[in-house]
Amino acid sequence: MLQLFYTDHFVLPLPPGHRFPMSKYQLLRNEVVSYRDVELLEAPLATVDELLLVHDAEYIHKVIQGQLSPSEQREIGFPWSELMVIRSRRSAGATIAATISAWRNGVAVNLAGGTHHSYADKGSGFCVFNDAAIAAKKIQERMMTHLQRYLRVAIIDLDVHQGNGTASIMKDDPTVFTFSMHGEKNFPFRKEKSDLDIGLMDGCEDEEYLDALREGLAQLETEFSPEFVIFLAGADPFQGDRLGRLNLSMEGLRCRDEKVLQWCFERKIPVAIAMAGGYGKTIEDTVAIHAQTIRTAIAYQW
C-alpha cells in the first residue's frame, strides 16, 4: 500500500481573498481516498527536536509562542495563529513520516509539504518550517546507527520556484545534495546557490523541460549518487498556473513525475514525495496534477 500522509483537517485560518489555495489539500484527499493500493494516515506532529535539526531555536520559539513580528508574518504570507503552528509542524511531520515509509516501501507521499522557501531563521513565501530539509536530516539521524555514516540524501525540487531556503540551509552540508529546476525569472528574485540549479526561461514547454530534467538527473548521479531522494512535485510548472510562467501540459507533468520515479526505482533509491506549490487558474487543475502524481507513484512501490 502506498502510504499517504495528510494534514488537511488542520485548516489554516486565512482572511477572505487570500491567494493561497488552502482548500486544495482537502480536495486532493477526497480525490485519492478512492484509489486502490493507497493507505491514508494522519500526519504526526514534528517535535521541537526535529525542527531544531535545521531551524534556529529563537525562530522556532517565536513561531510556537506567537512572537513573530508583523513584518515576519508578512514575509511568510500567513497571519499567526495556533492552527498555523500546528499545521506547519504536522506538514513537516508528514514528510518525516513519508521518508520512513519510503525507506521500507520504496515510495511514500506527503499530501502537502514542499515548504522550500523557509530558511533556518525565518519563514517566507507561504513556508514556515522547511519540511524537506528537516526530513532529510531526520532520516540521516535515523539511519546513522545502521550505516555508521550519513545517508546521502538528494532533494529534487521541481516546484516552479527555486528552493532558496533549502539551498541556504544545506549549503555547507556535503551529505545533502540540493537540485532545483525552476523558472529563472520567477520568485524568489534573489536566488540562492543550490548544488545544482537549472533555471528555465518563461514559456518553457514539455520537451525542453524534460530534456533539462534528464540532464539534471544524469549530473546528480555523476556528482553525488544519492541513496535517498525527497522529491518536490510542484504543480506550478503547469501552463494554467497563475504564478508559474512556464508552459507544461498535464501530460508533460506526468512524464516529469514518471521520469523521476523511474530513475529512483531503477537504482533502488527510496523516494518521499511532497506536493509543493500549485496555483492553477482553477483549483481543479491543481488538484488533478497532484492526484496524477499519486497515481504515478502507485506503480513504483517495491
C-alpha atoms as a PDB file:
ATOM      1  CA  MET A   1       0.000   0.000   0.000  1.00  0.00           C
ATOM      2  CA  LEU A   2       1.281   3.458  -0.920  1.00  0.00           C
ATOM      3  CA  GLN A   3       1.151   5.440   2.320  1.00  0.00           C
ATOM      4  CA  LEU A   4      -0.203   8.992   2.027  1.00  0.00           C
ATOM      5  CA  PHE A   5       0.137  11.359   4.987  1.00  0.00           C
ATOM      6  CA  TYR A   6      -2.439  14.150   5.255  1.00  0.00           C
ATOM      7  CA  THR A   7      -2.855  17.375   7.239  1.00  0.00           C
ATOM      8  CA  ASP A   8      -5.836  18.978   5.506  1.00  0.00           C
ATOM      9  CA  HIS A   9      -8.138  18.741   8.539  1.00  0.00           C
ATOM     10  CA  PHE A  10      -5.848  21.235  10.308  1.00  0.00           C
ATOM     11  CA  VAL A  11      -7.123  24.225   8.341  1.00  0.00           C
ATOM     12  CA  LEU A  12      -5.110  27.404   8.399  1.00  0.00           C
ATOM     13  CA  PRO A  13      -7.478  30.352   9.015  1.00  0.00           C
ATOM     14  CA  LEU A  14      -6.912  32.881   6.247  1.00  0.00           C
ATOM     15  CA  PRO A  15      -8.594  36.222   5.545  1.00  0.00           C
ATOM     16  CA  PRO A  16     -11.129  36.447   2.672  1.00  0.00           C
ATOM     17  CA  GLY A  17      -9.493  36.757  -0.737  1.00  0.00           C
ATOM     18  CA  HIS A  18      -6.146  35.299   0.364  1.00  0.00           C
ATOM     19  CA  ARG A  19      -4.398  33.849  -2.700  1.00  0.00           C
ATOM     20  CA  PHE A  20      -3.081  30.672  -1.068  1.00  0.00           C
ATOM     21  CA  PRO A  21      -5.286  27.739  -2.217  1.00  0.00           C
ATOM     22  CA  MET A  22      -5.724  26.085   1.190  1.00  0.00           C
ATOM     23  CA  SER A  23      -8.744  24.055   0.060  1.00  0.00           C
ATOM     24  CA  LYS A  24      -6.670  22.080  -2.447  1.00  0.00           C
ATOM     25  CA  TYR A  25      -5.438  19.749   0.285  1.00  0.00           C
ATOM     26  CA  GLN A  26      -8.876  18.561   1.339  1.00  0.00           C
ATOM     27  CA  LEU A  27      -9.947  18.279  -2.303  1.00  0.00           C
ATOM     28  CA  LEU A  28      -6.859  16.186  -3.004  1.00  0.00           C
ATOM     29  CA  ARG A  29      -7.562  13.788  -0.148  1.00  0.00           C
ATOM     30  CA  ASN A  30     -11.179  13.498  -1.286  1.00  0.00           C
ATOM     31  CA  GLU A  31      -9.892  12.565  -4.746  1.00  0.00           C
ATOM     32  CA  VAL A  32      -7.330   9.946  -3.718  1.00  0.00           C
ATOM     33  CA  VAL A  33      -9.297   8.246  -0.925  1.00  0.00           C
ATOM     34  CA  SER A  34     -10.980   6.014  -3.504  1.00  0.00           C
ATOM     35  CA  TYR A  35      -7.724   4.882  -5.133  1.00  0.00           C
ATOM     36  CA  ARG A  36      -6.786   1.248  -4.800  1.00  0.00           C
ATOM     37  CA  ASP A  37      -3.485   0.364  -3.125  1.00  0.00           C
ATOM     38  CA  VAL A  38      -3.229   3.521  -1.006  1.00  0.00           C
ATOM     39  CA  GLU A  39      -3.406   3.986   2.761  1.00  0.00           C
ATOM     40  CA  LEU A  40      -4.266   7.410   4.204  1.00  0.00           C
ATOM     41  CA  LEU A  41      -2.650   8.280   7.535  1.00  0.00           C
ATOM     42  CA  GLU A  42      -2.855  11.388   9.705  1.00  0.00           C
ATOM     43  CA  ALA A  43       0.473  13.188   9.766  1.00  0.00           C
ATOM     44  CA  PRO A  44       2.344  13.249  13.079  1.00  0.00           C
ATOM     45  CA  LEU A  45       3.420  16.481  14.757  1.00  0.00           C
ATOM     46  CA  ALA A  46       7.093  17.265  14.194  1.00  0.00           C
ATOM     47  CA  THR A  47       8.813  17.607  17.568  1.00  0.00           C
ATOM     48  CA  VAL A  48      10.825  20.642  18.586  1.00  0.00           C
ATOM     49  CA  ASP A  49      13.961  18.491  18.476  1.00  0.00           C
ATOM     50  CA  GLU A  50      13.152  17.596  14.867  1.00  0.00           C
ATOM     51  CA  LEU A  51      12.640  21.252  13.940  1.00  0.00           C
ATOM     52  CA  LEU A  52      15.993  22.024  15.591  1.00  0.00           C
ATOM     53  CA  LEU A  53      17.733  19.761  13.093  1.00  0.00           C
ATOM     54  CA  VAL A  54      17.680  22.684  10.633  1.00  0.00           C
ATOM     55  CA  HIS A  55      15.992  25.696  12.277  1.00  0.00           C
ATOM     56  CA  ASP A  56      17.332  28.192  14.800  1.00  0.00           C
ATOM     57  CA  ALA A  57      15.968  27.824  18.317  1.00  0.00           C
ATOM     58  CA  GLU A  58      14.983  31.507  18.508  1.00  0.00           C
ATOM     59  CA  TYR A  59      12.940  31.285  15.302  1.00  0.00           C
ATOM     60  CA  ILE A  60      11.151  28.114  16.451  1.00  0.00           C
ATOM     61  CA  HIS A  61      10.344  29.778  19.776  1.00  0.00           C
ATOM     62  CA  LYS A  62       8.904  32.863  18.073  1.00  0.00           C
ATOM     63  CA  VAL A  63       6.702  30.742  15.809  1.00  0.00           C
ATOM     64  CA  ILE A  64       5.375  28.486  18.567  1.00  0.00           C
ATOM     65  CA  GLN A  65       4.851  31.280  21.094  1.00  0.00           C
ATOM     66  CA  GLY A  66       3.237  33.687  18.630  1.00  0.00           C
ATOM     67  CA  GLN A  67       6.041  36.235  18.830  1.00  0.00           C
ATOM     68  CA  LEU A  68       6.615  36.787  15.109  1.00  0.00           C
ATOM     69  CA  SER A  69       6.663  40.467  14.219  1.00  0.00           C
ATOM     70  CA  PRO A  70       4.178  41.872  11.692  1.00  0.00           C
ATOM     71  CA  SER A  71       6.959  42.059   9.081  1.00  0.00           C
ATOM     72  CA  GLU A  72       7.944  38.428   9.725  1.00  0.00           C
ATOM     73  CA  GLN A  73       4.321  37.377   9.290  1.00  0.00           C
ATOM     74  CA  ARG A  74       4.085  39.376   6.062  1.00  0.00           C
ATOM     75  CA  GLU A  75       7.187  37.659   4.683  1.00  0.00           C
ATOM     76  CA  ILE A  76       5.663  34.260   5.455  1.00  0.00           C
ATOM     77  CA  GLY A  77       2.370  35.375   3.933  1.00  0.00           C
ATOM     78  CA  PHE A  78       0.179  33.963   6.711  1.00  0.00           C
ATOM     79  CA  PRO A  79      -1.153  35.654   9.837  1.00  0.00           C
ATOM     80  CA  TRP A  80      -0.006  33.886  13.001  1.00  0.00           C
ATOM     81  CA  SER A  81      -2.441  31.532  14.723  1.00  0.00           C
ATOM     82  CA  GLU A  82      -2.190  28.399  16.837  1.00  0.00           C
ATOM     83  CA  LEU A  83      -3.543  26.464  13.872  1.00  0.00           C
ATOM     84  CA  MET A  84      -0.747  27.844  11.695  1.00  0.00           C
ATOM     85  CA  VAL A  85       1.760  26.386  14.142  1.00  0.00           C
ATOM     86  CA  ILE A  86       0.025  23.009  14.357  1.00  0.00           C
ATOM     87  CA  ARG A  87      -0.409  22.699  10.611  1.00  0.00           C
ATOM     88  CA  SER A  88       3.190  23.721   9.880  1.00  0.00           C
ATOM     89  CA  ARG A  89       4.549  21.195  12.371  1.00  0.00           C
ATOM     90  CA  ARG A  90       2.311  18.434  11.044  1.00  0.00           C
ATOM     91  CA  SER A  91       3.297  19.240   7.467  1.00  0.00           C
ATOM     92  CA  ALA A  92       6.931  18.729   8.453  1.00  0.00           C
ATOM     93  CA  GLY A  93       5.917  15.607  10.370  1.00  0.00           C
ATOM     94  CA  ALA A  94       4.210  14.262   7.249  1.00  0.00           C
ATOM     95  CA  THR A  95       7.407  14.461   5.212  1.00  0.00           C
ATOM     96  CA  ILE A  96       9.377  12.838   8.028  1.00  0.00           C
ATOM     97  CA  ALA A  97       6.803  10.022   8.134  1.00  0.00           C
ATOM     98  CA  ALA A  98       6.939   9.697   4.339  1.00  0.00           C
ATOM     99  CA  THR A  99      10.726   9.234   4.426  1.00  0.00           C
ATOM    100  CA  ILE A 100      10.403   6.425   6.972  1.00  0.00           C
ATOM    101  CA  SER A 101       7.662   4.750   4.931  1.00  0.00           C
ATOM    102  CA  ALA A 102       9.616   5.170   1.689  1.00  0.00           C
ATOM    103  CA  TRP A 103      12.682   3.529   3.219  1.00  0.00           C
ATOM    104  CA  ARG A 104      10.556   0.389   3.734  1.00  0.00           C
ATOM    105  CA  ASN A 105       8.323   0.518   0.671  1.00  0.00           C
ATOM    106  CA  GLY A 106      10.246   2.442  -1.980  1.00  0.00           C
ATOM    107  CA  VAL A 107       7.912   5.441  -2.175  1.00  0.00           C
ATOM    108  CA  ALA A 108       5.542   7.395   0.093  1.00  0.00           C
ATOM    109  CA  VAL A 109       3.787  10.758  -0.105  1.00  0.00           C
ATOM    110  CA  ASN A 110       3.047  13.852   1.950  1.00  0.00           C
ATOM    111  CA  LEU A 111      -0.224  15.231   0.557  1.00  0.00           C
ATOM    112  CA  ALA A 112       1.059  18.709   1.444  1.00  0.00           C
ATOM    113  CA  GLY A 113       4.610  19.925   2.198  1.00  0.00           C
ATOM    114  CA  GLY A 114       7.314  21.212  -0.087  1.00  0.00           C
ATOM    115  CA  THR A 115       7.827  24.343   2.039  1.00  0.00           C
ATOM    116  CA  HIS A 116      11.172  25.140   0.466  1.00  0.00           C
ATOM    117  CA  HIS A 117      11.284  28.919   0.946  1.00  0.00           C
ATOM    118  CA  SER A 118      11.753  28.631   4.712  1.00  0.00           C
ATOM    119  CA  TYR A 119      15.260  29.459   5.931  1.00  0.00           C
ATOM    120  CA  ALA A 120      16.914  28.354   9.157  1.00  0.00           C
ATOM    121  CA  ASP A 121      15.966  31.606  10.869  1.00  0.00           C
ATOM    122  CA  LYS A 122      12.848  32.834   9.055  1.00  0.00           C
ATOM    123  CA  GLY A 123       9.834  31.832   7.029  1.00  0.00           C
ATOM    124  CA  SER A 124       8.988  33.117   3.577  1.00  0.00           C
ATOM    125  CA  GLY A 125       6.669  32.574   0.626  1.00  0.00           C
ATOM    126  CA  PHE A 126       3.922  30.617   2.452  1.00  0.00           C
ATOM    127  CA  CYS A 127       6.565  28.442   4.147  1.00  0.00           C
ATOM    128  CA  VAL A 128       7.041  28.313   7.938  1.00  0.00           C
ATOM    129  CA  PHE A 129       9.246  25.246   8.540  1.00  0.00           C
ATOM    130  CA  ASN A 130      11.320  23.586   5.800  1.00  0.00           C
ATOM    131  CA  ASP A 131       9.878  20.068   5.735  1.00  0.00           C
ATOM    132  CA  ALA A 132      12.261  18.628   3.125  1.00  0.00           C
ATOM    133  CA  ALA A 133      15.362  19.849   4.959  1.00  0.00           C
ATOM    134  CA  ILE A 134      14.049  18.595   8.312  1.00  0.00           C
ATOM    135  CA  ALA A 135      13.113  15.201   6.868  1.00  0.00           C
ATOM    136  CA  ALA A 136      16.498  14.843   5.139  1.00  0.00           C
ATOM    137  CA  LYS A 137      18.367  15.341   8.397  1.00  0.00           C
ATOM    138  CA  LYS A 138      15.917  13.146  10.334  1.00  0.00           C
ATOM    139  CA  ILE A 139      16.292  10.141   8.000  1.00  0.00           C
ATOM    140  CA  GLN A 140      20.057  10.578   8.220  1.00  0.00           C
ATOM    141  CA  GLU A 141      19.850  10.586  12.012  1.00  0.00           C
ATOM    142  CA  ARG A 142      17.603   7.526  11.953  1.00  0.00           C
ATOM    143  CA  MET A 143      19.963   5.565   9.672  1.00  0.00           C
ATOM    144  CA  MET A 144      23.201   6.556  11.411  1.00  0.00           C
ATOM    145  CA  THR A 145      23.213   3.565  13.769  1.00  0.00           C
ATOM    146  CA  HIS A 146      22.656   1.176  10.881  1.00  0.00           C
ATOM    147  CA  LEU A 147      25.099   2.714   8.388  1.00  0.00           C
ATOM    148  CA  GLN A 148      27.672   4.241  10.778  1.00  0.00           C
ATOM    149  CA  ARG A 149      27.757   7.249   8.432  1.00  0.00           C
ATOM    150  CA  TYR A 150      25.411   9.839   6.966  1.00  0.00           C
ATOM    151  CA  LEU A 151      22.951   8.598   4.365  1.00  0.00           C
ATOM    152  CA  ARG A 152      23.412  10.503   1.080  1.00  0.00           C
ATOM    153  CA  VAL A 153      20.147  12.390   0.503  1.00  0.00           C
ATOM    154  CA  ALA A 154      19.184  14.360  -2.613  1.00  0.00           C
ATOM    155  CA  ILE A 155      16.351  16.889  -2.624  1.00  0.00           C
ATOM    156  CA  ILE A 156      14.970  17.073  -6.169  1.00  0.00           C
ATOM    157  CA  ASP A 157      12.917  20.264  -6.222  1.00  0.00           C
ATOM    158  CA  LEU A 158      10.682  20.603  -9.292  1.00  0.00           C
ATOM    159  CA  ASP A 159       8.438  23.335  -7.948  1.00  0.00           C
ATOM    160  CA  VAL A 160       8.465  26.244 -10.406  1.00  0.00           C
ATOM    161  CA  HIS A 161      10.105  28.486  -7.778  1.00  0.00           C
ATOM    162  CA  GLN A 162      13.681  27.948  -6.650  1.00  0.00           C
ATOM    163  CA  GLY A 163      14.120  26.142  -3.333  1.00  0.00           C
ATOM    164  CA  ASN A 164      16.061  29.052  -1.910  1.00  0.00           C
ATOM    165  CA  GLY A 165      15.533  28.227   1.757  1.00  0.00           C
ATOM    166  CA  THR A 166      16.610  24.626   1.248  1.00  0.00           C
ATOM    167  CA  ALA A 167      19.710  25.691  -0.677  1.00  0.00           C
ATOM    168  CA  SER A 168      20.663  28.106   2.112  1.00  0.00           C
ATOM    169  CA  ILE A 169      20.129  25.574   4.900  1.00  0.00           C
ATOM    170  CA  MET A 170      22.142  22.845   3.145  1.00  0.00           C
ATOM    171  CA  LYS A 171      24.868  24.992   1.563  1.00  0.00           C
ATOM    172  CA  ASP A 172      27.633  23.664   3.834  1.00  0.00           C
ATOM    173  CA  ASP A 173      26.321  20.100   4.138  1.00  0.00           C
ATOM    174  CA  PRO A 174      28.107  17.681   1.765  1.00  0.00           C
ATOM    175  CA  THR A 175      25.748  14.824   2.711  1.00  0.00           C
ATOM    176  CA  VAL A 176      22.639  16.512   1.221  1.00  0.00           C
ATOM    177  CA  PHE A 177      22.526  17.456  -2.474  1.00  0.00           C
ATOM    178  CA  THR A 178      20.072  20.179  -3.490  1.00  0.00           C
ATOM    179  CA  PHE A 179      18.809  20.119  -7.094  1.00  0.00           C
ATOM    180  CA  SER A 180      16.350  22.844  -8.071  1.00  0.00           C
ATOM    181  CA  MET A 181      14.834  23.215 -11.551  1.00  0.00           C
ATOM    182  CA  HIS A 182      12.749  26.377 -11.699  1.00  0.00           C
ATOM    183  CA  GLY A 183      11.700  29.477 -13.590  1.00  0.00           C
ATOM    184  CA  GLU A 184      14.797  31.661 -13.748  1.00  0.00           C
ATOM    185  CA  LYS A 185      12.881  34.955 -13.751  1.00  0.00           C
ATOM    186  CA  ASN A 186      10.287  33.893 -11.195  1.00  0.00           C
ATOM    187  CA  PHE A 187      10.198  34.263  -7.396  1.00  0.00           C
ATOM    188  CA  PRO A 188      12.496  34.352  -5.462  1.00  0.00           C
ATOM    189  CA  PHE A 189      14.130  37.156  -7.372  1.00  0.00           C
ATOM    190  CA  ARG A 190      17.386  36.773  -5.429  1.00  0.00           C
ATOM    191  CA  LYS A 191      18.349  33.136  -5.862  1.00  0.00           C
ATOM    192  CA  GLU A 192      20.481  31.075  -3.507  1.00  0.00           C
ATOM    193  CA  LYS A 193      23.073  28.615  -4.823  1.00  0.00           C
ATOM    194  CA  SER A 194      21.899  25.017  -4.856  1.00  0.00           C
ATOM    195  CA  ASP A 195      24.312  22.178  -5.575  1.00  0.00           C
ATOM    196  CA  LEU A 196      22.600  22.076  -8.971  1.00  0.00           C
ATOM    197  CA  ASP A 197      20.380  24.851 -10.330  1.00  0.00           C
ATOM    198  CA  ILE A 198      18.667  24.672 -13.708  1.00  0.00           C
ATOM    199  CA  GLY A 199      16.939  27.954 -14.498  1.00  0.00           C
ATOM    200  CA  LEU A 200      14.305  27.847 -17.238  1.00  0.00           C
ATOM    201  CA  MET A 201      13.046  30.749 -19.303  1.00  0.00           C
ATOM    202  CA  ASP A 202       9.407  31.865 -19.260  1.00  0.00           C
ATOM    203  CA  GLY A 203       7.234  29.823 -21.614  1.00  0.00           C
ATOM    204  CA  CYS A 204       9.351  26.643 -21.384  1.00  0.00           C
ATOM    205  CA  GLU A 205       7.381  23.696 -22.808  1.00  0.00           C
ATOM    206  CA  ASP A 206       7.355  19.937 -22.268  1.00  0.00           C
ATOM    207  CA  GLU A 207      10.207  18.799 -24.493  1.00  0.00           C
ATOM    208  CA  GLU A 208      12.692  21.416 -23.323  1.00  0.00           C
ATOM    209  CA  TYR A 209      11.731  20.807 -19.695  1.00  0.00           C
ATOM    210  CA  LEU A 210      12.080  17.024 -19.888  1.00  0.00           C
ATOM    211  CA  ASP A 211      15.420  17.297 -21.695  1.00  0.00           C
ATOM    212  CA  ALA A 212      16.706  19.573 -18.930  1.00  0.00           C
ATOM    213  CA  LEU A 213      15.436  17.180 -16.265  1.00  0.00           C
ATOM    214  CA  ARG A 214      17.176  14.239 -17.959  1.00  0.00           C
ATOM    215  CA  GLU A 215      20.448  16.153 -17.964  1.00  0.00           C
ATOM    216  CA  GLY A 216      19.967  17.205 -14.343  1.00  0.00           C
ATOM    217  CA  LEU A 217      19.368  13.651 -13.151  1.00  0.00           C
ATOM    218  CA  ALA A 218      22.465  12.480 -15.027  1.00  0.00           C
ATOM    219  CA  GLN A 219      24.521  15.214 -13.343  1.00  0.00           C
ATOM    220  CA  LEU A 220      23.062  14.331  -9.941  1.00  0.00           C
ATOM    221  CA  GLU A 221      24.093  10.711 -10.378  1.00  0.00           C
ATOM    222  CA  THR A 222      27.582  11.600 -11.550  1.00  0.00           C
ATOM    223  CA  GLU A 223      28.278  14.144  -8.817  1.00  0.00           C
ATOM    224  CA  PHE A 224      26.524  12.600  -5.823  1.00  0.00           C
ATOM    225  CA  SER A 225      24.939   9.140  -6.358  1.00  0.00           C
ATOM    226  CA  PRO A 226      22.164   9.539  -3.754  1.00  0.00           C
ATOM    227  CA  GLU A 227      20.858   6.776  -1.519  1.00  0.00           C
ATOM    228  CA  PHE A 228      17.593   8.559  -0.750  1.00  0.00           C
ATOM    229  CA  VAL A 229      15.524  11.179  -2.594  1.00  0.00           C
ATOM    230  CA  ILE A 230      12.992  13.738  -1.408  1.00  0.00           C
ATOM    231  CA  PHE A 231      11.007  14.882  -4.464  1.00  0.00           C
ATOM    232  CA  LEU A 232       9.071  18.156  -4.505  1.00  0.00           C
ATOM    233  CA  ALA A 233       6.495  17.563  -7.230  1.00  0.00           C
ATOM    234  CA  GLY A 234       5.131  21.073  -7.671  1.00  0.00           C
ATOM    235  CA  ALA A 235       2.015  21.530  -9.805  1.00  0.00           C
ATOM    236  CA  ASP A 236       3.015  25.091 -10.683  1.00  0.00           C
ATOM    237  CA  PRO A 237       5.053  24.490 -13.870  1.00  0.00           C
ATOM    238  CA  PHE A 238       1.617  23.869 -15.448  1.00  0.00           C
ATOM    239  CA  GLN A 239       0.607  26.128 -18.335  1.00  0.00           C
ATOM    240  CA  GLY A 240      -2.518  27.196 -16.455  1.00  0.00           C
ATOM    241  CA  ASP A 241      -0.791  28.204 -13.218  1.00  0.00           C
ATOM    242  CA  ARG A 242      -1.276  31.804 -12.067  1.00  0.00           C
ATOM    243  CA  LEU A 243       2.238  32.069 -10.599  1.00  0.00           C
ATOM    244  CA  GLY A 244       4.164  29.644 -12.800  1.00  0.00           C
ATOM    245  CA  ARG A 245       5.122  31.346 -16.105  1.00  0.00           C
ATOM    246  CA  LEU A 246       6.148  28.005 -17.645  1.00  0.00           C
ATOM    247  CA  ASN A 247       4.044  26.156 -20.201  1.00  0.00           C
ATOM    248  CA  LEU A 248       3.963  22.466 -19.287  1.00  0.00           C
ATOM    249  CA  SER A 249       0.962  20.345 -20.196  1.00  0.00           C
ATOM    250  CA  MET A 250      -0.730  17.855 -17.883  1.00  0.00           C
ATOM    251  CA  GLU A 251       0.949  15.074 -19.861  1.00  0.00           C
ATOM    252  CA  GLY A 252       4.311  16.812 -19.556  1.00  0.00           C
ATOM    253  CA  LEU A 253       3.939  16.869 -15.786  1.00  0.00           C
ATOM    254  CA  ARG A 254       3.010  13.174 -15.768  1.00  0.00           C
ATOM    255  CA  CYS A 255       6.166  12.432 -17.752  1.00  0.00           C
ATOM    256  CA  ARG A 256       8.182  14.537 -15.301  1.00  0.00           C
ATOM    257  CA  ASP A 257       6.911  12.518 -12.339  1.00  0.00           C
ATOM    258  CA  GLU A 258       7.444   9.232 -14.132  1.00  0.00           C
ATOM    259  CA  LYS A 259      10.984  10.188 -15.132  1.00  0.00           C
ATOM    260  CA  VAL A 260      11.982  10.971 -11.532  1.00  0.00           C
ATOM    261  CA  LEU A 261      10.248   7.913 -10.074  1.00  0.00           C
ATOM    262  CA  GLN A 262      11.588   5.575 -12.740  1.00  0.00           C
ATOM    263  CA  TRP A 263      15.093   6.945 -12.220  1.00  0.00           C
ATOM    264  CA  CYS A 264      14.821   6.217  -8.474  1.00  0.00           C
ATOM    265  CA  PHE A 265      13.165   2.821  -8.977  1.00  0.00           C
ATOM    266  CA  GLU A 266      15.827   1.564 -11.385  1.00  0.00           C
ATOM    267  CA  ARG A 267      18.543   2.465  -8.869  1.00  0.00           C
ATOM    268  CA  LYS A 268      16.610   1.155  -5.822  1.00  0.00           C
ATOM    269  CA  ILE A 269      16.595   4.631  -4.283  1.00  0.00           C
ATOM    270  CA  PRO A 270      13.676   5.239  -1.882  1.00  0.00           C
ATOM    271  CA  VAL A 271      11.769   8.442  -2.639  1.00  0.00           C
ATOM    272  CA  ALA A 272       9.494  10.532  -0.427  1.00  0.00           C
ATOM    273  CA  ILE A 273       7.230  12.919  -2.351  1.00  0.00           C
ATOM    274  CA  ALA A 274       5.826  16.273  -1.221  1.00  0.00           C
ATOM    275  CA  MET A 275       3.227  18.183  -3.243  1.00  0.00           C
ATOM    276  CA  ALA A 276       4.813  21.666  -3.107  1.00  0.00           C
ATOM    277  CA  GLY A 277       3.221  24.585  -4.996  1.00  0.00           C
ATOM    278  CA  GLY A 278       0.211  24.838  -7.245  1.00  0.00           C
ATOM    279  CA  TYR A 279      -1.822  27.958  -8.037  1.00  0.00           C
ATOM    280  CA  GLY A 280      -3.923  26.952 -11.012  1.00  0.00           C
ATOM    281  CA  LYS A 281      -6.414  29.365 -12.553  1.00  0.00           C
ATOM    282  CA  THR A 282      -8.906  26.744 -11.448  1.00  0.00           C
ATOM    283  CA  ILE A 283      -8.206  24.781  -8.287  1.00  0.00           C
ATOM    284  CA  GLU A 284      -9.460  21.656 -10.059  1.00  0.00           C
ATOM    285  CA  ASP A 285      -6.414  21.777 -12.361  1.00  0.00           C
ATOM    286  CA  THR A 286      -4.032  21.905  -9.406  1.00  0.00           C
ATOM    287  CA  VAL A 287      -5.786  19.027  -7.647  1.00  0.00           C
ATOM    288  CA  ALA A 288      -5.777  16.976 -10.865  1.00  0.00           C
ATOM    289  CA  ILE A 289      -1.998  17.440 -11.235  1.00  0.00           C
ATOM    290  CA  HIS A 290      -1.322  16.421  -7.632  1.00  0.00           C
ATOM    291  CA  ALA A 291      -3.660  13.431  -7.973  1.00  0.00           C
ATOM    292  CA  GLN A 292      -1.843  12.418 -11.161  1.00  0.00           C
ATOM    293  CA  THR A 293       1.407  12.380  -9.171  1.00  0.00           C
ATOM    294  CA  ILE A 294      -0.198   9.967  -6.670  1.00  0.00           C
ATOM    295  CA  ARG A 295      -1.456   7.675  -9.439  1.00  0.00           C
ATOM    296  CA  THR A 296       2.000   7.640 -10.999  1.00  0.00           C
ATOM    297  CA  ALA A 297       3.669   6.853  -7.667  1.00  0.00           C
ATOM    298  CA  ILE A 298       1.458   3.797  -7.025  1.00  0.00           C
ATOM    299  CA  ALA A 299       3.348   1.848  -9.680  1.00  0.00           C
ATOM    300  CA  TYR A 300       6.755   2.439  -8.084  1.00  0.00           C
ATOM    301  CA  GLN A 301       6.417   0.706  -4.721  1.00  0.00           C
ATOM    302  CA  TRP A 302       8.845  -2.103  -4.009  1.00  0.00           C
END
